Amino acid sequence: MTRTAVIAGVGPGLGESLAERFAAEGYAVGLLARSESYLDDLAERIDEQSPGTALAVPTDLADPLTIDAAFEEVRESLGAVDVLVNHASAATWEGVREQDAETFRRALAVGPEAALHCSKAVVDEMATGDGGTIIFTGATTSQRGREGALGFSAAKFACRGMAQSMARELGPEGIHVAHVVIDGQILPPDGVPDNRDPVSFLDPDAIANSYWSLVEQDVETMTHEVHVTNGTQSIEFL
């Protein structure tokens, strides 16, 4: 039976690599993000190049009603969700003086609030079925607040706390909850910027392999937190 993964917050870079990695393993992948044309193109490419399939589901992850509708569409088209990746982020890089209430609220809405709504949409079916995996995408600032990034730091701290709480609650029910700390800059889709050493960037395809390794783990040996770095080349090395 085909298994189903949902990537909540797909875009060029790591989100795209995650979708392609799961499809390469034969999964049916639900692609959730706002850009319909981008999702359609990505789904078509995955269908052409992978053993798995993809379903484009245009979704405003700041809107709980839209999230509910998206998961209903995924269930109707692909079946019950086995893997959820809470990957969305919408924070601006602003300090306390520049940060306004509206953009701060959006950072929380697209980050931890969207992760809450997406997780609530799948946990019951995972618990009553064969279990499942929920993964949160974190960052260095999930553990150490960054200057000039108030909304991003707040959202990522919140997601890490959610992941820890959910892991304790849901682990006994056979649901593996994990948090991935991406400690460094991810290689941009358009390549290495001028005057930068390529080895200072993280390869999104390699990061996606780390997510897949979490899904493959036995329920008795569930890793909760993974730090992904490129060793001493990482400018954010913890």
Protein backbone atom coordinates (compact mmCIF):
# COMPACT_ATOMS: atom_id res chain seq x y z
CA MET A 1 0.00 0.00 0.00
CA THR A 2 1.31 3.44 -0.92
CA ARG A 3 2.23 5.59 2.04
CA THR A 4 1.52 9.31 2.20
CA ALA A 5 3.64 12.25 3.30
CA VAL A 6 2.60 15.89 3.59
CA ILE A 7 5.14 18.70 3.33
CA ALA A 8 3.53 21.78 4.89
CA GLY A 9 5.43 24.72 3.47
CA VAL A 10 6.98 23.64 0.15
CA GLY A 11 9.24 25.98 -1.75
CA PRO A 12 12.46 26.00 -3.78
CA GLY A 13 15.30 24.60 -1.73
CA LEU A 14 14.84 22.23 1.19
CA GLY A 15 11.04 21.94 0.91
CA GLU A 16 11.38 20.82 -2.67
CA SER A 17 14.17 18.39 -1.79
CA LEU A 18 12.01 16.86 0.94
CA ALA A 19 9.13 16.32 -1.46
CA GLU A 20 11.42 14.73 -4.03
CA ARG A 21 13.09 12.50 -1.41
CA PHE A 22 9.83 11.04 -0.18
CA ALA A 23 8.55 10.57 -3.72
CA ALA A 24 11.80 8.76 -4.56
CA GLU A 25 10.87 6.25 -1.84
CA GLY A 26 7.52 5.66 -3.48
CA TYR A 27 5.43 7.92 -1.25
CA ALA A 28 2.45 9.89 -2.41
CA VAL A 29 3.33 13.44 -1.38
CA GLY A 30 0.92 16.24 -0.56
CA LEU A 31 2.46 19.61 -1.38
CA LEU A 32 1.07 22.47 0.73
CA ALA A 33 1.97 26.09 0.04
CA ARG A 34 0.37 29.25 -1.39
CA SER A 35 1.90 29.33 -4.87
CA GLU A 36 -0.39 27.24 -7.07
CA SER A 37 1.69 27.51 -10.25
CA TYR A 38 4.88 26.48 -8.45
CA LEU A 39 3.16 23.51 -6.79
CA ASP A 40 1.67 22.37 -10.10
CA ASP A 41 5.07 22.46 -11.79
CA LEU A 42 6.73 20.59 -8.93
CA ALA A 43 3.99 17.94 -8.80
CA GLU A 44 4.27 17.37 -12.55
CA ARG A 45 8.04 16.96 -12.33
CA ILE A 46 7.77 14.54 -9.42
CA ASP A 47 5.15 12.47 -11.24
CA GLU A 48 7.42 12.24 -14.28
CA GLN A 49 10.67 11.48 -12.48
CA SER A 50 9.85 9.52 -9.31
CA PRO A 51 8.33 6.17 -8.33
CA GLY A 52 5.94 8.11 -6.09
CA THR A 53 3.35 10.73 -6.93
CA ALA A 54 2.61 14.28 -5.84
CA LEU A 55 -0.54 16.28 -5.27
CA ALA A 56 -0.47 20.08 -5.40
CA VAL A 57 -2.73 21.52 -2.70
CA PRO A 58 -2.61 25.34 -2.67
CA THR A 59 -2.87 26.29 1.00
CA ASP A 60 -2.62 29.43 3.09
CA LEU A 61 -0.94 27.98 6.15
CA ALA A 62 -1.94 31.03 8.18
CA ASP A 63 -5.61 30.06 7.77
CA PRO A 64 -6.83 27.09 9.86
CA LEU A 65 -9.90 26.56 7.68
CA THR A 66 -7.74 26.32 4.57
CA ILE A 67 -5.48 23.83 6.36
CA ASP A 68 -8.45 21.65 7.28
CA ALA A 69 -9.65 21.69 3.67
CA ALA A 70 -6.16 20.83 2.43
CA PHE A 71 -5.92 17.73 4.60
CA GLU A 72 -9.37 16.60 3.55
CA GLU A 73 -8.23 16.82 -0.07
CA VAL A 74 -5.08 14.86 0.74
CA ARG A 75 -7.08 12.12 2.45
CA GLU A 76 -9.57 11.86 -0.38
CA SER A 77 -6.89 11.72 -3.06
CA LEU A 78 -3.95 9.98 -1.34
CA GLY A 79 -5.26 8.31 1.81
CA ALA A 80 -4.32 8.64 5.47
CA VAL A 81 -1.20 10.65 6.27
CA ASP A 82 1.80 8.64 7.50
CA VAL A 83 4.37 11.46 7.62
CA LEU A 84 3.93 15.18 8.26
CA VAL A 85 6.75 17.69 7.91
CA ASN A 86 6.00 21.05 9.54
CA HIS A 87 8.30 23.13 7.38
CA ALA A 88 6.57 26.50 6.95
CA SER A 89 8.11 29.80 8.01
CA ALA A 90 7.21 33.40 7.27
CA ALA A 91 9.32 35.49 9.62
CA THR A 92 11.05 38.71 8.66
CA TRP A 93 14.59 39.54 9.68
CA GLU A 94 13.88 42.45 12.01
CA GLY A 95 14.96 43.45 15.51
CA VAL A 96 12.74 44.68 18.30
CA ARG A 97 12.74 48.29 17.07
CA GLU A 98 11.67 47.37 13.55
CA GLN A 99 9.33 44.48 14.35
CA ASP A 100 5.67 45.42 14.09
CA ALA A 101 2.81 43.47 15.61
CA GLU A 102 1.30 42.36 12.30
CA THR A 103 4.44 40.74 10.91
CA PHE A 104 5.20 39.21 14.31
CA ARG A 105 1.75 37.65 14.43
CA ARG A 106 2.21 36.28 10.90
CA ALA A 107 5.51 34.67 11.91
CA LEU A 108 3.66 32.84 14.67
CA ALA A 109 0.66 32.03 12.45
CA VAL A 110 2.69 30.41 9.66
CA GLY A 111 5.16 28.80 12.06
CA PRO A 112 3.93 27.28 15.33
CA GLU A 113 0.20 27.90 14.81
CA ALA A 114 0.22 26.25 11.39
CA ALA A 115 2.25 23.38 12.85
CA LEU A 116 -0.42 22.97 15.53
CA HIS A 117 -3.28 22.86 13.02
CA CYS A 118 -1.44 20.49 10.68
CA SER A 119 -0.49 18.18 13.53
CA LYS A 120 -4.03 18.10 14.91
CA ALA A 121 -5.22 17.11 11.44
CA VAL A 122 -3.18 13.88 11.46
CA VAL A 123 -2.50 12.68 15.02
CA ASP A 124 -5.76 10.81 15.57
CA GLU A 125 -5.49 8.79 12.37
CA MET A 126 -1.84 8.05 13.11
CA ALA A 127 -2.65 6.91 16.66
CA THR A 128 -5.48 4.61 15.57
CA GLY A 129 -3.55 3.28 12.58
CA ASP A 130 0.03 2.09 12.29
CA GLY A 131 1.60 5.14 13.89
CA GLY A 132 3.40 7.85 11.97
CA THR A 133 6.09 10.50 11.96
CA ILE A 134 5.86 14.25 12.53
CA ILE A 135 8.99 16.30 11.86
CA PHE A 136 9.57 19.98 12.62
CA THR A 137 12.13 22.00 10.67
CA GLY A 138 14.22 24.02 13.10
CA ALA A 139 17.26 26.25 12.90
CA THR A 140 20.19 27.42 14.99
CA THR A 141 17.89 30.04 16.42
CA SER A 142 15.60 27.30 17.73
CA GLN A 143 18.17 27.04 20.52
CA ARG A 144 19.90 30.41 20.54
CA GLY A 145 18.01 33.62 19.78
CA ARG A 146 19.52 35.64 16.96
CA GLU A 147 19.90 39.38 17.00
CA GLY A 148 17.83 41.19 14.40
CA ALA A 149 15.50 38.21 13.95
CA LEU A 150 12.90 38.58 16.66
CA GLY A 151 9.96 36.95 14.86
CA PHE A 152 12.05 34.13 13.43
CA SER A 153 13.59 33.34 16.83
CA ALA A 154 10.23 33.41 18.60
CA ALA A 155 8.59 31.15 16.02
CA LYS A 156 11.43 28.62 15.96
CA PHE A 157 11.70 28.51 19.76
CA ALA A 158 7.97 27.82 19.91
CA CYS A 159 8.17 25.00 17.36
CA ARG A 160 10.97 23.32 19.27
CA GLY A 161 8.94 23.43 22.48
CA MET A 162 5.95 22.00 20.63
CA ALA A 163 8.06 19.18 19.22
CA GLN A 164 9.36 18.26 22.69
CA SER A 165 5.89 18.32 24.21
CA MET A 166 4.35 16.30 21.39
CA ALA A 167 7.15 13.73 21.50
CA ARG A 168 6.39 13.01 25.16
CA GLU A 169 2.66 12.88 24.55
CA LEU A 170 2.56 10.93 21.31
CA GLY A 171 5.58 8.63 21.52
CA PRO A 172 3.72 6.06 23.64
CA GLU A 173 1.04 6.01 20.92
CA GLY A 174 3.57 5.01 18.25
CA ILE A 175 3.94 8.48 16.75
CA HIS A 176 7.53 9.59 16.26
CA VAL A 177 7.93 13.35 16.72
CA ALA A 178 11.31 14.80 15.77
CA HIS A 179 12.94 18.22 15.45
CA VAL A 180 15.71 18.94 12.94
CA VAL A 181 18.11 21.77 13.79
CA ILE A 182 19.56 23.09 10.55
CA ASP A 183 22.75 24.69 11.78
CA GLY A 184 24.03 26.71 8.84
CA GLN A 185 22.97 28.21 5.53
CA ILE A 186 21.28 26.05 2.92
CA LEU A 187 22.54 26.25 -0.64
CA PRO A 188 20.19 28.63 -2.52
CA PRO A 189 18.29 27.24 -5.54
CA ASP A 190 20.14 29.63 -7.87
CA GLY A 191 23.58 28.55 -6.70
CA VAL A 192 26.40 29.91 -4.57
CA PRO A 193 26.46 33.70 -4.15
CA ASP A 194 29.50 35.60 -5.38
CA ASN A 195 32.61 35.43 -3.21
CA ARG A 196 31.30 32.56 -1.08
CA ASP A 197 32.91 29.17 -0.67
CA PRO A 198 30.51 26.40 -1.78
CA VAL A 199 31.54 24.17 1.15
CA SER A 200 30.10 26.72 3.59
CA PHE A 201 26.57 25.82 2.45
CA LEU A 202 24.43 22.82 3.32
CA ASP A 203 23.14 20.68 0.45
CA PRO A 204 19.31 20.49 0.67
CA ASP A 205 19.28 17.00 -0.85
CA ALA A 206 21.67 15.79 1.86
CA ILE A 207 19.49 17.37 4.55
CA ALA A 208 16.46 15.60 3.10
CA ASN A 209 18.27 12.30 3.64
CA SER A 210 18.42 13.10 7.37
CA TYR A 211 14.65 13.56 7.44
CA TRP A 212 14.16 10.25 5.67
CA SER A 213 16.39 8.48 8.21
CA LEU A 214 14.02 9.63 10.96
CA VAL A 215 11.07 8.06 9.17
CA GLU A 216 12.92 4.76 8.76
CA GLN A 217 13.70 4.42 12.47
CA ASP A 218 12.14 1.68 14.54
CA VAL A 219 9.50 2.89 16.97
CA GLU A 220 11.56 1.56 19.88
CA THR A 221 14.58 3.76 19.05
CA MET A 222 13.13 7.10 18.08
CA THR A 223 15.62 9.95 17.78
CA HIS A 224 14.01 13.20 18.84
CA GLU A 225 16.48 15.88 17.74
CA VAL A 226 18.99 15.91 14.92
CA HIS A 227 21.56 18.63 14.29
CA VAL A 228 22.48 19.03 10.63
CA THR A 229 25.73 20.91 10.06
CA ASN A 230 28.57 20.93 7.59
CA GLY A 231 31.16 20.57 10.29
CA THR A 232 33.67 23.32 10.97
CA GLN A 233 32.67 25.07 7.75
CA SER A 234 29.32 26.02 9.29
CA ILE A 235 29.11 29.71 10.08
CA GLU A 236 26.53 28.90 12.78
CA PHE A 237 28.33 25.92 14.32
CA LEU A 238 26.87 25.32 17.79
